[in-house]
Amino acid sequence: MIIETRAYARAGLLGNPSDGYFGKTISIIVRNFGAVVTLYESPSLVIEEQEEDLNKFSSIYQLSEQVSLTGYYGGTRLLKAAIKRFCDYCEKNEIRLSSKNFTLRYQSSIPRQVGLAGSSAIITATIKALMQFYRVSIPQPFLPTLILEVEKEELGINAGLQDRVIQVFEGCVYMDFDKGYMAKHHHGIYVPLDPSALPKLYIAYKIQLGKESGKIFNTVRQRYDEGDEQVHSVLTEIAGLAEKGKEAIDGGSTKILPDLINRNFDLRCQIMNISESNMEMIRIARECGASAKFCGSGGAIIGTYSSDAVLRKLFNKLKEIDARVIKPYIV
């Protein structure tokens, strides 16, 4: 039996990066891009390497380019960490796994290092495949927490729950990471929203914007832990934007969403340094008449547009700076 599982890219619509600080967010799944994991039974446990995992290069320049894009470890580490954490979860919960082995391979079309959650998609698809293979059921609200543990505790990647929640639930989801609720229930409050109630959305990203995932939050985390009043105040206001967005979507009146999206990014700028290349995308999108903010930690933006004329402007103007514009498929 061949098992094939998928997890898709995601975009934070409102509230990020407050999800890592007991805040609130709204995210959408982006089915334009995805990670696919294939698993089948085999005599030994084998993880098949993909091109980015191999250590053979045509030149020193190819090696340098690949390291800049995918880091020093490729995607194999994600699979190993997911398998290990899944095994730990089963042992902790006294779930006995059958004594059979498997071969595992992955593929991903999610653009690298532009904040569309490519790494967590690979991990999510891997955990889903392992659940099917070993016939293990993990309650849906707890699954994002397990996936986050793979990244934070096994790999040392600084991240929040938002990406994993939307990749597990899909569609459009409002998330409340209230500290007291999470301490009691070990997961947040996850409320699916109607994607058909959303306004017209676009996503734009630059392929050339490479960065190591997770590092963008380091200074803010330190300041937050030290009780920095500005950081706490800004993150609280950002979380409040997600709550206002939920009320607007539920009420069928999304006219305020463009202002909320713009405000989300402007607040982010108060506590984080934004590269000129990222600022250029935001600036051009707004000059075209669209709203704009980061999908994640940078490299890709999301926003609303009012007409096809605005969308054409976005396509043309962002193409001039080597940025691609897409309309996200949510369902």
Protein backbone atom coordinates (compact mmCIF):
# COMPACT_ATOMS: atom_id res chain seq x y z
CA MET A 1 0.00 0.00 0.00
CA ILE A 2 1.31 3.44 -0.98
CA ILE A 3 0.31 6.34 1.27
CA GLU A 4 0.41 9.87 -0.12
CA THR A 5 -0.33 12.89 2.06
CA ARG A 6 -0.29 16.64 1.40
CA ALA A 7 0.03 19.87 3.30
CA TYR A 8 -0.22 23.29 1.69
CA ALA A 9 1.39 26.69 1.95
CA ARG A 10 -0.29 29.24 4.18
CA ALA A 11 -0.59 33.00 4.56
CA GLY A 12 -1.26 34.95 7.72
CA LEU A 13 -4.09 37.36 6.98
CA LEU A 14 -4.20 39.21 10.30
CA GLY A 15 -2.56 39.06 13.71
CA ASN A 16 0.90 37.69 12.95
CA PRO A 17 3.39 37.65 14.60
CA SER A 18 1.33 37.68 17.80
CA ASP A 19 0.69 33.91 17.61
CA GLY A 20 4.03 33.25 19.27
CA TYR A 21 3.10 35.59 22.14
CA PHE A 22 -0.36 34.34 23.24
CA GLY A 23 -2.07 36.54 20.64
CA LYS A 24 -4.73 36.05 17.97
CA THR A 25 -4.45 35.47 14.22
CA ILE A 26 -6.44 34.71 11.08
CA SER A 27 -4.77 32.55 8.42
CA ILE A 28 -5.70 31.05 5.08
CA ILE A 29 -4.45 27.92 3.37
CA VAL A 30 -2.82 28.50 -0.04
CA ARG A 31 -3.46 25.46 -2.23
CA ASN A 32 -1.43 26.90 -5.11
CA PHE A 33 1.65 25.32 -3.47
CA GLY A 34 2.09 22.18 -1.40
CA ALA A 35 4.33 19.50 0.04
CA VAL A 36 3.68 15.85 -0.80
CA VAL A 37 4.97 12.93 1.25
CA THR A 38 4.91 9.37 -0.12
CA LEU A 39 5.32 6.42 2.25
CA TYR A 40 5.25 2.67 1.63
CA GLU A 41 6.28 -0.41 3.60
CA SER A 42 9.83 -1.67 3.07
CA PRO A 43 12.33 -4.06 4.78
CA SER A 44 14.36 -1.16 6.26
CA LEU A 45 13.43 2.38 7.27
CA VAL A 46 14.65 4.55 4.40
CA ILE A 47 14.44 8.30 3.86
CA GLU A 48 15.01 9.05 0.20
CA GLU A 49 17.15 12.12 -0.40
CA GLN A 50 15.98 14.85 -2.74
CA GLU A 51 18.23 17.06 -4.86
CA GLU A 52 18.69 19.63 -2.08
CA ASP A 53 19.83 16.87 0.30
CA LEU A 54 22.64 15.59 -1.91
CA ASN A 55 26.27 16.64 -1.47
CA LYS A 56 27.29 16.68 -5.12
CA PHE A 57 27.51 20.00 -6.97
CA SER A 58 28.45 21.15 -10.46
CA SER A 59 30.49 24.04 -9.08
CA ILE A 60 31.34 26.06 -5.98
CA TYR A 61 28.73 28.59 -7.10
CA GLN A 62 25.97 25.97 -7.15
CA LEU A 63 26.91 24.91 -3.61
CA SER A 64 26.84 28.54 -2.43
CA GLU A 65 23.47 29.19 -4.09
CA GLN A 66 21.90 26.03 -2.68
CA VAL A 67 23.10 26.73 0.88
CA SER A 68 21.71 30.28 0.63
CA LEU A 69 18.33 28.90 -0.42
CA THR A 70 17.90 25.72 1.63
CA GLY A 71 20.47 26.00 4.43
CA TYR A 72 23.13 23.44 5.32
CA TYR A 73 20.86 20.51 6.03
CA GLY A 74 18.23 20.32 3.28
CA GLY A 75 14.88 18.68 3.96
CA THR A 76 15.98 15.33 5.38
CA ARG A 77 16.35 16.79 8.88
CA LEU A 78 12.64 17.75 8.81
CA LEU A 79 11.61 14.15 8.09
CA LYS A 80 13.95 12.70 10.73
CA ALA A 81 12.72 15.15 13.36
CA ALA A 82 9.06 14.45 12.51
CA ILE A 83 9.57 10.67 12.73
CA LYS A 84 11.42 10.98 16.02
CA ARG A 85 8.80 13.25 17.61
CA PHE A 86 5.95 11.03 16.38
CA CYS A 87 7.66 8.05 18.01
CA ASP A 88 8.10 10.03 21.26
CA TYR A 89 4.41 11.00 21.21
CA CYS A 90 3.33 7.40 20.82
CA GLU A 91 5.61 6.20 23.64
CA LYS A 92 4.38 8.96 25.95
CA ASN A 93 0.76 8.05 25.23
CA GLU A 94 1.43 4.29 25.49
CA ILE A 95 0.62 3.67 21.83
CA ARG A 96 2.44 0.56 20.65
CA LEU A 97 3.64 0.85 17.05
CA SER A 98 3.71 -2.26 14.87
CA SER A 99 7.16 -3.60 14.00
CA LYS A 100 7.23 -2.65 10.34
CA ASN A 101 9.46 -0.30 8.37
CA PHE A 102 8.86 2.13 5.56
CA THR A 103 10.43 4.19 2.81
CA LEU A 104 9.64 7.89 2.87
CA ARG A 105 10.13 10.58 0.25
CA TYR A 106 8.96 14.16 -0.10
CA GLN A 107 8.45 16.80 -2.77
CA SER A 108 7.53 20.44 -2.34
CA SER A 109 6.42 23.19 -4.71
CA ILE A 110 6.28 25.81 -1.93
CA PRO A 111 8.70 28.68 -2.68
CA ARG A 112 11.66 28.52 -0.30
CA GLN A 113 12.42 31.03 2.45
CA VAL A 114 9.69 33.55 1.63
CA GLY A 115 7.44 33.03 4.64
CA LEU A 116 4.88 30.62 3.16
CA ALA A 117 5.58 27.86 5.73
CA GLY A 118 7.29 25.34 3.47
CA SER A 119 9.16 23.55 6.27
CA SER A 120 6.11 23.06 8.46
CA ALA A 121 4.16 21.77 5.43
CA ILE A 122 6.73 19.00 4.92
CA ILE A 123 6.54 18.09 8.62
CA THR A 124 2.73 18.20 8.63
CA ALA A 125 2.50 15.90 5.60
CA THR A 126 5.03 13.52 7.21
CA ILE A 127 3.07 13.28 10.48
CA LYS A 128 -0.14 12.65 8.51
CA ALA A 129 1.55 9.82 6.59
CA LEU A 130 2.90 8.22 9.77
CA MET A 131 -0.56 8.38 11.36
CA GLN A 132 -2.03 6.52 8.41
CA PHE A 133 0.76 3.97 8.22
CA TYR A 134 0.62 3.06 11.91
CA ARG A 135 -3.13 3.69 12.24
CA VAL A 136 -2.63 6.22 15.01
CA SER A 137 -5.28 8.85 15.66
CA ILE A 138 -4.20 12.21 17.10
CA PRO A 139 -7.05 14.64 17.95
CA GLN A 140 -7.03 17.51 15.46
CA PRO A 141 -6.57 20.36 18.00
CA PHE A 142 -3.45 18.66 19.42
CA LEU A 143 -1.81 17.91 16.07
CA PRO A 144 -0.47 21.47 15.47
CA THR A 145 1.18 21.40 18.91
CA LEU A 146 3.00 18.16 18.02
CA ILE A 147 4.15 19.62 14.71
CA LEU A 148 5.41 22.76 16.45
CA GLU A 149 7.39 20.62 18.91
CA VAL A 150 9.18 19.04 15.94
CA GLU A 151 10.43 22.44 14.85
CA LYS A 152 11.06 24.12 18.20
CA GLU A 153 12.33 21.28 20.35
CA GLU A 154 13.94 18.98 17.80
CA LEU A 155 15.31 21.54 15.34
CA GLY A 156 15.57 24.74 17.37
CA ILE A 157 13.45 26.76 14.93
CA ASN A 158 11.75 29.74 16.59
CA ALA A 159 8.10 29.60 15.54
CA GLY A 160 4.48 29.90 16.67
CA LEU A 161 1.43 27.68 16.31
CA GLN A 162 -0.31 29.60 13.53
CA ASP A 163 1.27 27.85 10.54
CA ARG A 164 0.64 24.37 11.88
CA VAL A 165 -2.97 25.11 12.83
CA ILE A 166 -3.96 26.30 9.37
CA GLN A 167 -2.06 23.46 7.67
CA VAL A 168 -3.97 20.94 9.80
CA PHE A 169 -7.43 22.59 9.66
CA GLU A 170 -7.07 24.20 6.18
CA GLY A 171 -9.55 26.75 4.80
CA CYS A 172 -9.62 29.99 6.79
CA VAL A 173 -9.22 29.86 10.57
CA TYR A 174 -9.34 32.34 13.45
CA MET A 175 -6.98 31.36 16.26
CA ASP A 176 -6.90 32.58 19.86
CA PHE A 177 -3.78 31.56 21.77
CA ASP A 178 -4.96 32.79 25.17
CA LYS A 179 -2.31 31.89 27.73
CA GLY A 180 -4.69 30.58 30.40
CA TYR A 181 -6.74 28.53 27.93
CA MET A 182 -3.60 26.98 26.41
CA ALA A 183 -2.19 26.13 29.84
CA LYS A 184 -5.41 24.28 30.68
CA HIS A 185 -6.19 22.61 27.33
CA HIS A 186 -2.72 22.38 25.70
CA HIS A 187 -4.01 23.98 22.50
CA GLY A 188 -5.60 27.25 21.40
CA ILE A 189 -9.15 28.13 20.38
CA TYR A 190 -9.48 27.41 16.65
CA VAL A 191 -12.58 28.71 14.83
CA PRO A 192 -13.07 28.01 11.09
CA LEU A 193 -14.31 31.02 9.10
CA ASP A 194 -16.18 31.02 5.81
CA PRO A 195 -13.62 31.59 3.00
CA SER A 196 -16.38 32.77 0.66
CA ALA A 197 -16.88 35.78 2.93
CA LEU A 198 -13.33 37.02 2.28
CA PRO A 199 -12.65 39.92 -0.09
CA LYS A 200 -10.44 39.60 -3.18
CA LEU A 201 -6.96 38.53 -2.07
CA TYR A 202 -3.57 38.41 -3.76
CA ILE A 203 -0.17 37.07 -2.69
CA ALA A 204 3.18 38.27 -4.04
CA TYR A 205 6.63 36.90 -3.34
CA LYS A 206 10.26 37.27 -4.38
CA ILE A 207 12.20 34.08 -5.09
CA GLN A 208 15.51 35.78 -4.35
CA LEU A 209 14.65 36.73 -0.76
CA GLY A 210 16.54 33.98 1.08
CA LYS A 211 16.86 33.93 4.86
CA GLU A 212 17.15 31.36 7.62
CA SER A 213 13.70 30.61 8.97
CA GLY A 214 12.97 31.67 12.54
CA LYS A 215 15.74 34.24 13.03
CA ILE A 216 13.50 37.21 12.31
CA PHE A 217 11.80 36.96 15.72
CA ASN A 218 14.88 36.69 17.92
CA THR A 219 15.16 40.33 19.09
CA VAL A 220 11.43 40.64 19.69
CA ARG A 221 11.40 37.43 21.73
CA GLN A 222 14.15 38.73 23.99
CA ARG A 223 12.45 42.09 24.46
CA TYR A 224 9.10 40.40 25.08
CA ASP A 225 10.58 38.08 27.72
CA GLU A 226 12.24 41.06 29.38
CA GLY A 227 8.86 42.81 29.65
CA ASP A 228 9.51 45.55 27.07
CA GLU A 229 6.38 47.75 27.24
CA GLN A 230 6.48 48.77 23.58
CA VAL A 231 6.73 45.18 22.33
CA HIS A 232 3.89 44.01 24.61
CA SER A 233 1.69 46.95 23.61
CA VAL A 234 2.27 46.50 19.86
CA LEU A 235 1.71 42.73 19.93
CA THR A 236 -1.52 43.22 21.91
CA GLU A 237 -2.79 45.70 19.30
CA ILE A 238 -1.79 43.36 16.45
CA ALA A 239 -3.74 40.51 18.10
CA GLY A 240 -6.75 42.85 18.42
CA LEU A 241 -6.73 43.37 14.65
CA ALA A 242 -7.39 39.64 14.16
CA GLU A 243 -10.35 39.84 16.54
CA LYS A 244 -11.78 42.80 14.61
CA GLY A 245 -11.20 40.90 11.37
CA LYS A 246 -13.12 37.88 12.66
CA GLU A 247 -16.07 40.08 13.60
CA ALA A 248 -16.05 41.67 10.14
CA ILE A 249 -15.89 38.33 8.31
CA ASP A 250 -18.59 36.78 10.51
CA GLY A 251 -20.76 39.85 9.99
CA GLY A 252 -20.34 39.82 6.21
CA SER A 253 -18.85 43.32 6.21
CA THR A 254 -15.20 43.14 5.19
CA LYS A 255 -14.72 46.76 4.09
CA ILE A 256 -12.46 47.37 7.07
CA LEU A 257 -10.09 44.50 6.24
CA PRO A 258 -7.75 46.56 3.98
CA ASP A 259 -7.18 49.08 6.79
CA LEU A 260 -6.64 46.28 9.31
CA ILE A 261 -4.12 44.60 7.02
CA ASN A 262 -2.18 47.82 6.49
CA ARG A 263 -2.25 48.61 10.19
CA ASN A 264 -0.93 45.11 10.97
CA PHE A 265 2.20 45.73 8.91
CA ASP A 266 2.69 49.30 10.13
CA LEU A 267 2.63 48.08 13.73
CA ARG A 268 5.12 45.35 12.90
CA CYS A 269 7.52 48.01 11.63
CA GLN A 270 7.51 49.59 15.10
CA ILE A 271 9.21 46.59 16.72
CA MET A 272 11.03 44.85 13.83
CA ASN A 273 13.61 45.87 11.25
CA ILE A 274 12.26 45.42 7.71
CA SER A 275 14.67 44.95 4.80
CA GLU A 276 14.51 47.39 1.90
CA SER A 277 13.64 44.56 -0.50
CA ASN A 278 10.60 43.64 1.59
CA MET A 279 9.61 47.28 2.04
CA GLU A 280 9.78 47.72 -1.73
CA MET A 281 7.07 45.09 -2.27
CA ILE A 282 4.80 46.65 0.37
CA ARG A 283 5.33 50.15 -1.00
CA ILE A 284 4.61 49.17 -4.62
CA ALA A 285 1.49 47.18 -3.66
CA ARG A 286 0.07 50.12 -1.74
CA GLU A 287 0.90 52.53 -4.56
CA CYS A 288 -1.17 50.27 -6.82
CA GLY A 289 -4.16 50.74 -4.51
CA ALA A 290 -3.93 47.39 -2.69
CA SER A 291 -3.47 46.69 1.00
CA ALA A 292 -0.33 44.80 1.99
CA LYS A 293 1.35 42.99 4.88
CA PHE A 294 3.66 40.00 5.33
CA CYS A 295 2.27 36.48 4.87
CA GLY A 296 4.73 35.31 7.51
CA SER A 297 8.15 36.53 8.54
CA GLY A 298 9.03 38.23 5.25
CA GLY A 299 9.62 37.50 1.58
CA ALA A 300 5.94 37.23 0.66
CA ILE A 301 3.07 39.68 1.09
CA ILE A 302 -0.70 39.35 1.16
CA GLY A 303 -3.43 41.91 0.77
CA THR A 304 -6.76 42.87 -0.71
CA TYR A 305 -7.48 44.49 -4.07
CA SER A 306 -10.68 46.17 -5.21
CA SER A 307 -10.79 45.45 -8.96
CA ASP A 308 -9.18 43.62 -11.86
CA ALA A 309 -7.53 46.90 -12.86
CA VAL A 310 -5.72 47.01 -9.50
CA LEU A 311 -4.72 43.36 -9.89
CA ARG A 312 -3.25 44.06 -13.34
CA LYS A 313 -1.28 46.94 -11.85
CA LEU A 314 0.04 44.62 -9.16
CA PHE A 315 1.11 42.03 -11.75
CA ASN A 316 2.91 44.59 -13.89
CA LYS A 317 4.57 46.72 -11.21
CA LEU A 318 5.71 43.84 -9.02
CA LYS A 319 7.02 41.96 -12.05
CA GLU A 320 9.44 44.86 -12.58
CA ILE A 321 11.16 43.93 -9.29
CA ASP A 322 11.07 40.16 -10.01
CA ALA A 323 8.10 39.48 -7.75
CA ARG A 324 5.37 37.03 -8.75
CA VAL A 325 1.69 37.73 -8.01
CA ILE A 326 -0.91 34.98 -7.54
CA LYS A 327 -4.53 34.70 -6.46
CA PRO A 328 -4.61 32.20 -3.57
CA TYR A 329 -6.77 29.08 -3.87
CA ILE A 330 -8.27 28.47 -0.43
CA VAL A 331 -10.84 25.72 -1.14
